[in-house]
Protein backbone atom coordinates (compact mmCIF):
# COMPACT_ATOMS: atom_id res chain seq x y z
CA MET A 1 93.53 40.15 55.14
CA GLN A 2 89.96 41.26 54.44
CA PRO A 3 88.92 44.94 54.58
CA ARG A 4 87.45 46.03 57.85
CA VAL A 5 83.83 47.14 58.02
CA ALA A 6 83.44 50.74 56.79
CA GLU A 7 82.91 53.43 59.37
CA PRO A 8 79.74 55.55 59.19
CA ASN A 9 81.51 58.21 57.16
CA GLN A 10 82.10 55.59 54.43
CA ARG A 11 85.89 55.83 54.63
CA PHE A 12 87.26 52.43 53.68
CA GLN A 13 90.09 51.36 55.93
CA LEU A 14 92.12 48.67 54.24
CA ALA A 15 95.23 46.84 55.23
CA GLU A 16 98.29 48.76 54.07
CA ALA A 17 99.19 46.45 51.17
CA GLU A 18 95.61 46.30 49.90
CA MET A 19 95.20 50.05 50.22
CA SER A 20 98.20 50.68 48.00
CA ASP A 21 96.80 48.41 45.26
CA VAL A 22 93.34 49.90 45.46
CA VAL A 23 94.63 53.49 45.42
CA GLU A 24 96.71 52.84 42.32
CA ALA A 25 93.75 51.24 40.56
CA LEU A 26 91.48 54.12 41.47
CA LYS A 27 94.02 56.66 40.30
CA LYS A 28 94.25 55.00 36.91
CA ARG A 29 90.48 54.87 36.60
CA LEU A 30 89.96 58.46 37.75
CA ALA A 31 92.78 59.83 35.63
CA GLY A 32 91.08 58.48 32.54
CA SER A 33 87.65 59.90 33.35
CA SER A 34 86.49 62.93 31.41
CA PRO A 35 82.83 63.65 32.03
CA ILE A 36 82.97 67.08 30.37
CA GLN A 37 80.46 67.25 27.51
CA PRO A 38 81.40 68.32 23.97
CA VAL A 39 80.86 72.00 23.23
CA ALA A 40 77.63 72.65 21.32
CA SER A 41 77.49 74.91 18.28
CA ASN A 42 76.27 77.83 20.41
CA GLY A 43 79.23 77.46 22.78
CA ARG A 44 77.06 76.29 25.66
CA LEU A 45 76.99 72.90 27.30
CA LYS A 46 74.16 70.94 28.73
CA PRO A 47 74.94 69.87 32.28
CA ARG A 48 76.36 66.38 32.40
CA PRO A 49 74.01 63.70 33.75
CA GLU A 50 73.44 63.70 37.47
CA THR A 51 74.25 60.60 39.47
CA SER A 52 72.33 59.01 42.29
CA GLU A 53 73.02 59.69 45.94
CA GLN A 54 74.39 56.17 46.28
CA GLU A 55 76.78 56.73 43.37
CA ARG A 56 77.92 60.07 44.80
CA THR A 57 78.56 58.47 48.18
CA LYS A 58 80.59 55.70 46.57
CA ARG A 59 82.62 58.19 44.55
CA ALA A 60 83.33 60.26 47.66
CA ALA A 61 84.67 57.17 49.41
CA GLU A 62 86.91 56.39 46.44
CA LEU A 63 88.18 59.96 46.29
CA ARG A 64 88.80 60.04 50.02
CA GLU A 65 91.16 57.10 49.61
CA ILE A 66 93.03 59.04 46.95
CA TYR A 67 93.24 62.38 48.72
CA THR A 68 94.27 61.01 52.08
CA GLN A 69 97.50 59.98 50.40
CA PRO A 70 100.45 62.42 50.11
CA SER A 71 99.77 65.04 47.45
CA ASP A 72 102.46 63.67 45.14
CA LYS A 73 100.25 60.59 44.74
CA TRP A 74 97.15 62.57 43.72
CA PRO A 75 95.85 62.49 40.14
CA ALA A 76 97.37 65.16 37.93
CA PRO A 77 95.25 68.33 37.74
CA ASN A 78 93.50 69.39 34.57
CA VAL A 79 95.56 72.42 33.54
CA ASP A 80 96.63 73.76 30.17
CA ALA A 81 100.12 73.06 28.88
CA ASP A 82 101.36 76.62 29.42
CA VAL A 83 100.41 76.73 33.12
CA SER A 84 103.24 76.37 35.65
CA TRP A 85 101.03 75.12 38.43
CA LYS A 86 101.77 74.37 42.05
CA GLU A 87 99.84 71.89 44.14
CA ILE A 88 97.30 73.22 46.62
CA GLY A 89 98.32 72.71 50.22
CA LEU A 90 99.40 74.28 53.50
CA LEU A 91 100.61 77.86 53.71
CA PRO A 92 104.36 78.31 54.15
CA GLU A 93 105.93 80.17 57.03
CA VAL A 94 105.72 83.94 56.81
CA THR A 95 108.96 85.59 55.78
CA HIS A 96 109.81 89.28 56.03
CA PRO A 97 111.91 91.22 53.50
CA GLU A 98 115.47 92.21 54.39
CA SER A 99 114.46 95.82 53.84
CA ASN A 100 111.82 95.53 56.57
CA PRO A 101 112.85 92.89 59.12
CA TYR A 102 110.42 91.77 61.77
CA ASN A 103 110.41 92.69 65.44
CA GLU A 104 107.59 92.59 67.97
CA ALA A 105 107.70 96.33 68.58
CA LYS A 106 107.22 97.03 64.87
CA GLU A 107 104.26 94.65 64.71
CA ALA A 108 102.68 96.39 67.73
CA LEU A 109 103.27 99.78 66.15
CA GLY A 110 101.75 98.60 62.88
CA HIS A 111 98.75 97.23 64.75
CA ALA A 112 98.06 100.66 66.22
CA LEU A 113 98.63 102.50 62.94
CA PHE A 114 96.37 100.07 61.07
CA PHE A 115 93.45 101.06 63.31
CA ASP A 116 94.29 104.76 63.73
CA PRO A 117 91.98 107.11 61.76
CA ARG A 118 94.18 110.12 62.50
CA LEU A 119 96.50 109.07 59.67
CA SER A 120 93.81 109.98 57.13
CA GLY A 121 93.20 113.47 55.82
CA SER A 122 89.72 113.53 57.36
CA GLY A 123 90.81 111.99 60.65
CA GLN A 124 87.94 109.53 60.23
CA MET A 125 89.33 106.63 58.14
CA ALA A 126 91.77 103.89 59.05
CA CYS A 127 93.13 100.89 57.19
CA ALA A 128 90.68 98.85 59.26
CA SER A 129 87.77 100.83 57.80
CA CYS A 130 88.03 98.75 54.62
CA HIS A 131 89.93 95.77 56.04
CA ASP A 132 88.00 94.86 59.17
CA PRO A 133 89.22 91.70 60.93
CA ASP A 134 85.63 90.99 61.98
CA LEU A 135 84.75 90.84 58.27
CA ALA A 136 87.61 88.55 57.25
CA TRP A 137 89.87 91.59 56.73
CA SER A 138 87.57 93.03 54.08
CA ASP A 139 84.47 95.21 54.48
CA GLY A 140 81.56 93.23 53.02
CA ARG A 141 80.66 96.01 50.59
CA THR A 142 80.35 95.94 46.84
CA THR A 143 82.98 98.67 46.73
CA SER A 144 84.32 100.62 49.67
CA PHE A 145 83.57 104.16 50.75
CA GLY A 146 86.57 106.46 50.43
CA HIS A 147 87.26 110.04 51.45
CA SER A 148 84.09 112.10 51.99
CA ARG A 149 82.07 108.91 51.50
CA LYS A 150 83.04 108.71 47.84
CA MET A 151 82.15 105.29 46.45
CA LEU A 152 85.32 103.67 45.13
CA THR A 153 85.34 101.59 41.96
CA ARG A 154 86.78 98.30 43.21
CA ASN A 155 86.02 95.77 45.90
CA ALA A 156 88.32 95.73 48.93
CA PRO A 157 90.21 92.41 48.92
CA THR A 158 91.15 90.69 52.14
CA THR A 159 94.55 91.60 53.57
CA ARG A 160 94.77 88.37 55.61
CA PHE A 161 97.13 86.61 53.17
CA ALA A 162 99.05 89.64 51.89
CA ALA A 163 102.26 88.13 53.28
CA PHE A 164 102.31 85.67 50.38
CA GLN A 165 101.66 88.10 47.52
CA ASP A 166 104.26 89.84 45.40
CA GLN A 167 101.97 92.32 43.62
CA PHE A 168 99.19 94.34 45.18
CA PHE A 169 95.90 95.98 44.24
CA TRP A 170 93.66 94.41 41.61
CA ASP A 171 95.87 95.88 38.90
CA GLY A 172 99.23 95.11 40.50
CA ARG A 173 100.41 98.71 40.70
CA ALA A 174 102.30 98.13 43.96
CA LEU A 175 105.17 95.66 44.10
CA THR A 176 105.57 95.52 47.88
CA LEU A 177 103.17 95.51 50.81
CA GLU A 178 104.95 98.57 52.17
CA GLU A 179 104.33 100.42 48.91
CA GLN A 180 100.69 99.37 48.95
CA ALA A 181 100.13 100.76 52.46
CA VAL A 182 101.65 104.14 51.57
CA ALA A 183 99.71 104.31 48.28
CA VAL A 184 96.40 103.99 50.12
CA LEU A 185 97.38 106.71 52.59
CA LEU A 186 98.26 109.12 49.77
CA ASN A 187 95.37 108.29 47.44
CA PRO A 188 93.11 111.39 47.38
CA ASP A 189 90.02 109.21 46.95
CA GLU A 190 90.94 106.83 49.76
CA MET A 191 92.68 108.06 52.92
CA HIS A 192 93.42 111.47 51.42
CA ALA A 193 96.61 112.12 53.39
CA SER A 194 100.00 113.59 52.53
CA PRO A 195 103.49 112.66 53.73
CA ASP A 196 103.63 115.83 55.83
CA HIS A 197 100.23 115.18 57.38
CA VAL A 198 101.13 111.63 58.36
CA ARG A 199 104.52 112.63 59.73
CA ASN A 200 103.24 115.65 61.68
CA VAL A 201 100.23 113.87 63.18
CA VAL A 202 102.14 110.79 64.29
CA ALA A 203 105.22 112.68 65.51
CA SER A 204 103.03 114.96 67.64
CA ILE A 205 101.75 112.01 69.69
CA THR A 206 104.27 111.30 72.44
CA PRO A 207 103.45 107.58 72.92
CA TYR A 208 104.01 107.03 69.20
CA GLN A 209 107.50 108.52 69.50
CA LYS A 210 108.38 105.81 72.00
CA LEU A 211 106.89 103.09 69.79
CA PHE A 212 108.90 104.28 66.79
CA GLY A 213 112.05 104.25 68.88
CA GLU A 214 111.42 100.67 69.96
CA ALA A 215 110.55 99.54 66.43
CA PHE A 216 113.24 101.32 64.44
CA GLY A 217 115.97 102.25 66.91
CA ASN A 218 115.18 105.96 66.90
CA GLU A 219 112.06 108.10 67.09
CA GLU A 220 112.14 109.55 63.57
CA VAL A 221 108.71 109.38 61.94
CA THR A 222 108.46 109.09 58.15
CA ILE A 223 105.68 107.90 55.92
CA GLU A 224 107.99 105.13 54.72
CA ARG A 225 108.34 103.85 58.29
CA VAL A 226 104.59 104.07 58.76
CA GLY A 227 104.19 101.87 55.67
CA GLN A 228 106.81 99.43 56.99
CA ALA A 229 105.08 99.09 60.35
CA ILE A 230 101.65 98.57 58.81
CA ALA A 231 103.08 95.98 56.40
CA CYS A 232 104.80 94.17 59.28
CA PHE A 233 101.49 93.90 61.13
CA GLU A 234 99.60 92.77 58.03
CA ARG A 235 102.13 90.01 57.33
CA MET A 236 101.48 88.55 60.76
CA ALA A 237 97.69 88.45 60.35
CA VAL A 238 97.78 84.93 58.84
CA HIS A 239 96.16 81.88 60.37
CA GLY A 240 95.83 78.76 58.18
CA ARG A 241 93.34 77.05 60.51
CA THR A 242 90.74 76.04 57.93
CA ARG A 243 89.14 72.62 57.56
CA PHE A 244 91.19 72.17 54.40
CA ASP A 245 94.38 72.82 56.38
CA ALA A 246 93.26 70.35 59.05
CA PHE A 247 92.59 67.77 56.32
CA MET A 248 96.07 68.31 54.90
CA LYS A 249 97.49 67.73 58.37
CA GLY A 250 95.82 64.33 58.61
CA LYS A 251 92.38 65.02 60.08
CA THR A 252 90.66 63.37 57.16
CA ASN A 253 87.15 63.35 58.62
CA VAL A 254 86.83 67.16 58.73
CA MET A 255 85.97 67.18 55.01
CA SER A 256 82.44 66.13 54.08
CA ASP A 257 81.74 63.81 51.17
CA ALA A 258 80.56 66.82 49.15
CA ALA A 259 83.78 68.70 49.93
CA ILE A 260 85.92 65.72 48.89
CA ARG A 261 84.09 65.51 45.57
CA GLY A 262 84.42 69.27 45.22
CA MET A 263 88.15 69.11 45.85
CA ASP A 264 88.56 66.65 43.00
CA LEU A 265 86.36 68.79 40.76
CA PHE A 266 88.41 71.84 41.66
CA ARG A 267 91.65 70.14 40.65
CA ARG A 268 90.35 68.38 37.57
CA ASP A 269 86.99 68.69 35.81
CA ALA A 270 86.29 72.30 36.83
CA ARG A 271 89.77 73.42 35.64
CA CYS A 272 90.10 75.82 38.60
CA MET A 273 93.82 75.14 39.00
CA ASN A 274 94.63 76.86 35.74
CA CYS A 275 94.61 80.09 37.79
CA HIS A 276 93.87 79.14 41.42
CA HIS A 277 96.72 76.86 42.45
CA GLY A 278 99.36 76.66 45.14
CA PRO A 279 98.85 77.12 48.90
CA LEU A 280 97.32 80.57 48.32
CA PHE A 281 94.89 79.23 45.69
CA SER A 282 96.10 81.97 43.35
CA ASP A 283 98.76 82.14 40.66
CA GLY A 284 99.29 85.85 41.43
CA GLN A 285 98.97 86.60 37.72
CA PHE A 286 96.59 88.79 35.72
CA HIS A 287 93.76 87.42 33.61
CA ASP A 288 90.78 88.73 31.66
CA VAL A 289 87.75 86.77 32.83
CA GLY A 290 85.28 88.69 30.69
CA LEU A 291 84.21 91.23 33.32
CA SER A 292 85.88 94.42 32.07
CA TYR A 293 82.48 95.80 30.95
CA TYR A 294 84.37 97.29 28.03
CA GLY A 295 82.45 100.15 26.47
CA ARG A 296 79.68 99.87 29.06
CA LYS A 297 78.75 101.08 32.52
CA PHE A 298 81.21 99.77 35.12
CA GLU A 299 84.01 99.66 32.50
CA ASP A 300 87.38 98.97 34.12
CA LEU A 301 90.47 98.44 31.98
CA GLY A 302 92.37 96.83 34.87
CA ARG A 303 96.04 96.09 34.38
CA TYR A 304 96.13 98.17 31.18
CA ASN A 305 95.94 101.37 33.25
CA ILE A 306 99.31 100.44 34.75
CA THR A 307 101.21 98.93 31.82
CA GLY A 308 99.64 100.63 28.80
CA GLN A 309 99.85 97.30 26.99
CA ALA A 310 96.81 96.42 24.88
CA GLU A 311 96.94 92.77 25.95
CA ASP A 312 96.38 93.87 29.56
CA VAL A 313 92.97 95.45 28.93
CA GLY A 314 90.49 93.87 31.35
CA ARG A 315 93.08 91.81 33.21
CA PHE A 316 92.95 91.65 36.99
CA ARG A 317 95.05 89.85 39.57
CA THR A 318 93.82 86.39 40.51
CA PRO A 319 92.42 86.67 44.05
CA THR A 320 93.11 84.07 46.68
CA LEU A 321 90.24 81.65 47.26
CA ARG A 322 91.11 81.28 50.92
CA ASP A 323 88.22 82.80 52.88
CA VAL A 324 86.23 83.22 49.64
CA THR A 325 83.00 82.31 51.45
CA ALA A 326 83.63 85.04 54.05
CA THR A 327 84.83 87.89 51.83
CA GLY A 328 81.90 88.44 49.48
CA PRO A 329 80.75 90.08 47.38
CA LEU A 330 83.30 88.87 44.86
CA MET A 331 85.32 89.89 41.80
CA HIS A 332 87.11 93.22 41.29
CA ASN A 333 83.83 95.12 41.07
CA GLY A 334 82.09 93.33 43.94
CA LEU A 335 79.00 92.64 41.85
CA PHE A 336 78.69 88.88 42.42
CA GLN A 337 78.04 86.25 45.06
CA LEU A 338 79.74 82.87 45.07
CA ALA A 339 76.87 80.92 43.48
CA GLY A 340 76.73 83.37 40.60
CA VAL A 341 80.47 83.22 40.08
CA LEU A 342 80.41 79.42 39.93
CA ASN A 343 77.58 79.54 37.40
CA MET A 344 79.53 81.99 35.25
CA TYR A 345 82.69 79.88 35.31
CA ASN A 346 80.62 76.83 34.46
CA ALA A 347 79.39 78.69 31.36
CA GLY A 348 82.93 79.74 30.46
CA MET A 349 82.48 83.34 31.68
CA PRO A 350 81.08 86.15 29.49
CA THR A 351 82.52 86.57 26.01
CA LEU A 352 82.35 90.15 24.77
CA LYS A 353 81.24 90.66 21.18
CA ARG A 354 82.61 93.49 19.06
CA LYS A 355 80.01 96.04 17.99
CA ASP A 356 80.22 97.69 14.58
CA HIS A 357 82.22 100.64 15.89
CA GLN A 358 84.65 98.29 17.68
CA GLN A 359 85.74 96.20 14.68
CA ASP A 360 89.09 97.96 14.44
CA ASP A 361 89.48 98.71 18.14
CA ASP A 362 93.01 97.62 19.13
CA LEU A 363 92.07 97.77 22.81
CA PHE A 364 89.12 95.42 22.59
CA PRO A 365 89.77 92.88 25.39
CA THR A 366 90.41 89.19 24.83
CA LYS A 367 89.17 86.70 27.41
CA SER A 368 91.66 84.24 28.87
CA PRO A 369 91.93 81.01 26.85
CA HIS A 370 91.92 79.07 30.14
CA LEU A 371 88.19 79.72 30.43
CA LYS A 372 86.03 77.08 28.77
CA PRO A 373 82.43 75.88 29.19
CA LEU A 374 82.44 73.06 31.73
CA GLY A 375 79.03 71.36 31.63
CA LEU A 376 78.94 70.73 35.36
CA ASN A 377 75.60 69.74 36.85
CA LYS A 378 73.76 71.02 39.92
CA HIS A 379 75.41 68.55 42.28
CA ASP A 380 78.84 69.37 40.89
CA LEU A 381 78.35 73.07 41.65
CA GLU A 382 77.11 72.24 45.14
CA ASP A 383 80.20 70.09 45.70
CA LEU A 384 82.51 72.86 44.48
CA ALA A 385 80.86 75.30 46.88
CA ALA A 386 81.25 72.75 49.70
CA PHE A 387 84.98 72.47 49.01
CA LEU A 388 85.43 76.24 48.85
CA SER A 389 83.70 76.52 52.23
CA THR A 390 86.51 74.43 53.75
CA LEU A 391 88.90 77.28 52.90
CA GLU A 392 87.17 79.65 55.34
CA GLU A 393 89.09 80.61 58.47
CA PRO A 394 87.28 80.23 61.80
CA LYS A 395 86.28 83.51 63.40
CA LEU A 396 89.09 85.03 65.45
CA ARG A 397 88.30 88.32 67.09
CA VAL A 398 91.07 90.90 66.77
CA ARG A 399 90.27 93.69 69.19
CA PRO A 400 91.29 97.22 68.23
CA PRO A 401 94.36 98.28 70.19
CA GLU A 402 94.53 101.17 72.60
CA LEU A 403 95.44 104.04 70.30
CA PRO A 404 98.22 106.29 71.63
CA GLY A 405 96.85 109.61 72.80
CA LEU A 406 93.21 108.50 72.57
CA HIS A 407 90.83 106.77 74.96
CA PRO A 408 91.53 103.07 75.46
CA ALA A 409 89.61 100.49 73.50
CA PRO A 410 86.55 99.04 75.31
């Protein structure tokens, strides 16, 4: 049987037997490709040669045949030997811990508490102040404003996918989502509350008493229960309705040619899956990417402040790349946009040099060995950005709830 005429999107539709042969041949050819340029003496790479539009279109068609197959038939990703990677794919079902089981009343209570500014010491800040659902559950700022408009030191990450994390904050100082919620309430620079303030304010509002009774079986208000309710709500704020998810479910035409090329770059030549793998596009681990600003303005020692271990200086938790195009500015300090981040990774990220007074400094940070100059060209970077854009969730308006004891939401 001869191949049918290609559709306008260049996707070749072959008879089943022919497709299998072609896919295997393409996989062998692609697996052997390595367009990364040798590292020059100065550690920088010249971008690899650009290809013509016709060649890029042809390559996209070839890659589409590969990536429309089940993921176990995809080419192996380009990851270092010590990386225990997981394939990118669909998000799993949300699970709730035994210590904080789900019920609808608890989710509704958490929804109200998440938006209620009365929990804060000033009565003016809520969780939603820094994690606004209209801003992809972040706030769009370089770093957030805290209590009394104090500028905080780190960018507010999205809470949309918190259900799939097992360490929280950029430095991992909270091990549960419940602990994270309480820590923000009690942080004097953030919501500036105390356990007594939270308990007394919430317990004094009669409608909240009923909600606590429905959620927990009795009306007792504690800050631990407040954290449990907020965490329950946050775990349910997950969608998984991106173009990438649709592609993984079989809607193969939702990904552009550029995005298909970018997906292959992400998995292979751009080495992204050394840290950004699995359904969450994050390994959940801590890495130094050269942005600690050690000894300079904006210095942040990251994970070291929690562990006290010298090897953790400048390490931060790998953020999810889901919604990365909607949650800028990026990185722990919020100083970068996506194009700049891609350019930095292409260069291998900054490498700090010891100054004379730092020669014997045991805390001088060491950049992750997973970061290497890539030599990607302009079209490669555009394709990577196109793929990352497919990880953005469509806008879904989450209206603030009617807060107990206050005027109803508009």
